C-alpha atoms as a PDB file:
ATOM      1  CA  UNK A   1      35.729 -79.747  81.783  1.00  0.00           C
ATOM      2  CA  UNK A   2      34.308 -76.435  80.788  1.00  0.00           C
ATOM      3  CA  UNK A   3      36.577 -73.368  80.313  1.00  0.00           C
ATOM      4  CA  UNK A   4      35.179 -70.023  81.517  1.00  0.00           C
ATOM      5  CA  UNK A   5      36.442 -67.017  80.002  1.00  0.00           C
ATOM      6  CA  UNK A   6      35.950 -63.964  82.078  1.00  0.00           C
ATOM      7  CA  UNK A   7      34.434 -60.968  80.604  1.00  0.00           C
ATOM      8  CA  UNK A   8      36.733 -57.930  80.777  1.00  0.00           C
ATOM      9  CA  UNK A   9      34.965 -54.598  80.654  1.00  0.00           C
ATOM     10  CA  UNK A  10      36.725 -51.657  79.479  1.00  0.00           C
ATOM     11  CA  UNK A  11      36.388 -48.948  81.923  1.00  0.00           C
ATOM     12  CA  UNK A  12      36.633 -45.418  80.414  1.00  0.00           C
ATOM     13  CA  UNK A  13      36.139 -41.983  81.745  1.00  0.00           C
ATOM     14  CA  UNK A  14      34.913 -38.978  79.836  1.00  0.00           C
ATOM     15  CA  UNK A  15      37.012 -35.877  79.395  1.00  0.00           C
ATOM     16  CA  UNK A  16      35.725 -32.532  78.038  1.00  0.00           C
ATOM     17  CA  UNK A  17      38.374 -31.238  75.696  1.00  0.00           C
ATOM     18  CA  UNK A  18      39.038 -28.173  73.457  1.00  0.00           C
ATOM     19  CA  UNK A  19      40.814 -29.063  70.358  1.00  0.00           C
ATOM     20  CA  UNK A  20      42.369 -26.637  67.829  1.00  0.00           C
ATOM     21  CA  UNK A  21      43.050 -27.524  64.181  1.00  0.00           C
ATOM     22  CA  UNK A  22      44.491 -24.860  61.696  1.00  0.00           C
ATOM     23  CA  UNK A  23      41.142 -23.335  60.731  1.00  0.00           C
ATOM     24  CA  UNK A  24      38.733 -24.621  63.403  1.00  0.00           C
ATOM     25  CA  UNK A  25      38.059 -25.273  66.996  1.00  0.00           C
ATOM     26  CA  UNK A  26      36.330 -28.414  68.470  1.00  0.00           C
ATOM     27  CA  UNK A  27      34.747 -28.561  71.884  1.00  0.00           C
ATOM     28  CA  UNK A  28      33.700 -32.153  72.654  1.00  0.00           C
ATOM     29  CA  UNK A  29      34.075 -35.160  74.758  1.00  0.00           C
ATOM     30  CA  UNK A  30      36.840 -38.052  74.543  1.00  0.00           C
ATOM     31  CA  UNK A  31      37.182 -41.171  76.697  1.00  0.00           C
ATOM     32  CA  UNK A  32      40.311 -42.006  78.362  1.00  0.00           C
ATOM     33  CA  UNK A  33      41.141 -45.418  79.976  1.00  0.00           C
ATOM     34  CA  UNK A  34      40.706 -45.218  83.553  1.00  0.00           C
ATOM     35  CA  UNK A  35      43.496 -43.458  85.418  1.00  0.00           C
ATOM     36  CA  UNK A  36      45.198 -42.655  82.221  1.00  0.00           C
ATOM     37  CA  UNK A  37      46.310 -39.103  81.040  1.00  0.00           C
ATOM     38  CA  UNK A  38      45.627 -37.108  78.119  1.00  0.00           C
ATOM     39  CA  UNK A  39      49.218 -36.888  77.061  1.00  0.00           C
ATOM     40  CA  UNK A  40      49.299 -40.748  77.028  1.00  0.00           C
ATOM     41  CA  UNK A  41      46.287 -41.007  74.816  1.00  0.00           C
ATOM     42  CA  UNK A  42      47.615 -38.333  72.325  1.00  0.00           C
ATOM     43  CA  UNK A  43      51.105 -40.102  72.148  1.00  0.00           C
ATOM     44  CA  UNK A  44      49.580 -43.609  71.745  1.00  0.00           C
ATOM     45  CA  UNK A  45      49.714 -45.432  68.415  1.00  0.00           C
ATOM     46  CA  UNK A  46      46.157 -44.736  67.436  1.00  0.00           C
ATOM     47  CA  UNK A  47      45.537 -42.328  64.161  1.00  0.00           C
ATOM     48  CA  UNK A  48      42.092 -41.260  64.840  1.00  0.00           C
ATOM     49  CA  UNK A  49      40.469 -39.897  68.136  1.00  0.00           C
ATOM     50  CA  UNK A  50      36.868 -40.554  68.538  1.00  0.00           C
ATOM     51  CA  UNK A  51      34.989 -37.336  69.717  1.00  0.00           C
ATOM     52  CA  UNK A  52      31.463 -37.376  71.003  1.00  0.00           C
ATOM     53  CA  UNK A  53      28.910 -34.329  71.489  1.00  0.00           C
ATOM     54  CA  UNK A  54      31.126 -32.100  69.616  1.00  0.00           C
ATOM     55  CA  UNK A  55      30.745 -28.369  68.526  1.00  0.00           C
ATOM     56  CA  UNK A  56      32.872 -27.614  65.683  1.00  0.00           C
ATOM     57  CA  UNK A  57      33.368 -23.765  64.976  1.00  0.00           C
ATOM     58  CA  UNK A  58      35.493 -21.853  62.642  1.00  0.00           C
ATOM     59  CA  UNK A  59      38.396 -19.566  64.137  1.00  0.00           C
ATOM     60  CA  UNK A  60      38.932 -17.351  61.004  1.00  0.00           C
ATOM     61  CA  UNK A  61      36.963 -15.912  58.024  1.00  0.00           C
ATOM     62  CA  UNK A  62      33.288 -16.485  57.549  1.00  0.00           C
ATOM     63  CA  UNK A  63      31.884 -17.862  60.735  1.00  0.00           C
ATOM     64  CA  UNK A  64      30.250 -21.189  60.960  1.00  0.00           C
ATOM     65  CA  UNK A  65      29.713 -23.995  63.597  1.00  0.00           C
ATOM     66  CA  UNK A  66      28.106 -27.516  63.429  1.00  0.00           C
ATOM     67  CA  UNK A  67      27.167 -29.831  66.301  1.00  0.00           C
ATOM     68  CA  UNK A  68      27.862 -33.460  65.799  1.00  0.00           C
ATOM     69  CA  UNK A  69      27.105 -36.524  68.076  1.00  0.00           C
ATOM     70  CA  UNK A  70      30.185 -38.441  66.786  1.00  0.00           C
ATOM     71  CA  UNK A  71      33.260 -37.645  64.852  1.00  0.00           C
ATOM     72  CA  UNK A  72      36.706 -39.101  64.135  1.00  0.00           C
ATOM     73  CA  UNK A  73      39.440 -36.896  64.257  1.00  0.00           C
ATOM     74  CA  UNK A  74      42.885 -37.554  62.526  1.00  0.00           C
ATOM     75  CA  UNK A  75      45.195 -36.552  65.366  1.00  0.00           C
ATOM     76  CA  UNK A  76      47.882 -35.434  62.906  1.00  0.00           C
ATOM     77  CA  UNK A  77      45.929 -32.382  62.243  1.00  0.00           C
ATOM     78  CA  UNK A  78      45.704 -31.296  65.808  1.00  0.00           C
ATOM     79  CA  UNK A  79      47.594 -28.044  66.626  1.00  0.00           C
ATOM     80  CA  UNK A  80      46.753 -28.113  70.492  1.00  0.00           C
ATOM     81  CA  UNK A  81      44.464 -29.924  72.693  1.00  0.00           C
ATOM     82  CA  UNK A  82      43.558 -29.322  76.448  1.00  0.00           C
ATOM     83  CA  UNK A  83      40.805 -30.217  79.038  1.00  0.00           C
ATOM     84  CA  UNK A  84      38.101 -27.927  79.283  1.00  0.00           C
ATOM     85  CA  UNK A  85      38.714 -28.018  83.018  1.00  0.00           C
ATOM     86  CA  UNK A  86      42.167 -26.204  82.551  1.00  0.00           C
ATOM     87  CA  UNK A  87      40.489 -22.903  81.186  1.00  0.00           C
ATOM     88  CA  UNK A  88      40.664 -20.342  83.943  1.00  0.00           C
ATOM     89  CA  UNK A  89      38.871 -17.728  81.983  1.00  0.00           C
ATOM     90  CA  UNK A  90      38.856 -15.640  78.811  1.00  0.00           C
ATOM     91  CA  UNK A  91      41.393 -13.015  78.088  1.00  0.00           C
ATOM     92  CA  UNK A  92      40.042  -9.984  75.911  1.00  0.00           C
END
Protein backbone atom coordinates (compact mmCIF):
# COMPACT_ATOMS: atom_id res chain seq x y z
CA UNK A 1 0.00 0.00 0.00
CA UNK A 2 1.41 3.35 -1.02
CA UNK A 3 0.78 6.44 0.99
CA UNK A 4 0.37 9.65 -0.94
CA UNK A 5 0.81 12.91 0.80
CA UNK A 6 -1.12 15.71 -0.82
CA UNK A 7 1.11 18.67 -1.55
CA UNK A 8 -0.22 21.78 0.13
CA UNK A 9 0.63 25.06 -1.55
CA UNK A 10 0.70 28.25 0.44
CA UNK A 11 -1.46 30.84 -1.23
CA UNK A 12 -0.50 34.39 -0.41
CA UNK A 13 -1.64 37.73 -1.69
CA UNK A 14 0.59 40.80 -2.07
CA UNK A 15 -0.16 43.97 -0.12
CA UNK A 16 1.66 47.24 -0.79
CA UNK A 17 2.37 48.95 2.53
CA UNK A 18 3.94 52.07 3.97
CA UNK A 19 5.97 51.43 7.11
CA UNK A 20 7.37 54.12 9.40
CA UNK A 21 10.35 53.47 11.65
CA UNK A 22 11.87 56.08 13.96
CA UNK A 23 14.15 57.64 11.32
CA UNK A 24 12.92 56.30 7.98
CA UNK A 25 9.97 55.28 5.84
CA UNK A 26 9.66 52.04 3.85
CA UNK A 27 7.39 51.57 0.84
CA UNK A 28 7.23 47.92 -0.16
CA UNK A 29 5.21 44.74 -0.61
CA UNK A 30 4.44 42.13 2.02
CA UNK A 31 2.59 38.86 1.43
CA UNK A 32 -0.39 37.89 3.58
CA UNK A 33 -2.08 34.52 3.79
CA UNK A 34 -5.19 34.46 1.62
CA UNK A 35 -8.12 36.26 3.31
CA UNK A 36 -6.04 37.39 6.30
CA UNK A 37 -5.75 40.93 7.66
CA UNK A 38 -2.71 43.14 8.10
CA UNK A 39 -3.44 43.39 11.84
CA UNK A 40 -3.42 39.57 12.16
CA UNK A 41 -0.08 39.42 10.36
CA UNK A 42 1.50 42.11 12.56
CA UNK A 43 0.15 40.57 15.78
CA UNK A 44 1.41 37.07 14.90
CA UNK A 45 4.38 35.44 16.63
CA UNK A 46 6.83 36.18 13.81
CA UNK A 47 9.69 38.51 14.73
CA UNK A 48 10.77 39.55 11.24
CA UNK A 49 8.60 40.71 8.34
CA UNK A 50 9.81 39.92 4.82
CA UNK A 51 9.42 42.99 2.57
CA UNK A 52 9.96 42.83 -1.19
CA UNK A 53 10.63 45.57 -3.76
CA UNK A 54 11.20 48.16 -1.04
CA UNK A 55 12.21 51.80 -1.14
CA UNK A 56 13.74 52.98 2.14
CA UNK A 57 13.87 56.78 2.65
CA UNK A 58 15.09 59.04 5.44
CA UNK A 59 12.43 61.18 7.10
CA UNK A 60 14.72 63.55 9.00
CA UNK A 61 18.18 65.03 8.74
CA UNK A 62 20.27 64.42 5.63
CA UNK A 63 18.12 62.93 2.84
CA UNK A 64 18.98 59.47 1.50
CA UNK A 65 17.13 56.55 -0.07
CA UNK A 66 17.76 52.93 -1.11
CA UNK A 67 15.94 50.47 -3.37
CA UNK A 68 16.16 46.85 -2.27
CA UNK A 69 14.62 43.70 -3.75
CA UNK A 70 14.26 42.01 -0.36
CA UNK A 71 14.67 42.88 3.30
CA UNK A 72 13.76 41.29 6.62
CA UNK A 73 12.36 43.92 8.97
CA UNK A 74 12.35 43.43 12.75
CA UNK A 75 8.76 44.34 13.64
CA UNK A 76 9.81 45.62 17.09
CA UNK A 77 11.09 48.78 15.37
CA UNK A 78 7.86 49.60 13.53
CA UNK A 79 6.20 52.85 14.62
CA UNK A 80 3.26 52.49 12.20
CA UNK A 81 2.24 50.42 9.17
CA UNK A 82 -0.70 50.81 6.81
CA UNK A 83 -1.77 49.67 3.34
CA UNK A 84 -0.82 52.06 0.56
CA UNK A 85 -4.41 51.74 -0.71
CA UNK A 86 -5.67 53.53 2.44
CA UNK A 87 -3.84 56.76 1.56
CA UNK A 88 -6.42 59.28 0.33
CA UNK A 89 -3.98 62.04 -0.54
CA UNK A 90 -1.24 64.21 0.86
CA UNK A 91 -1.88 67.03 3.29
CA UNK A 92 0.55 69.93 3.11
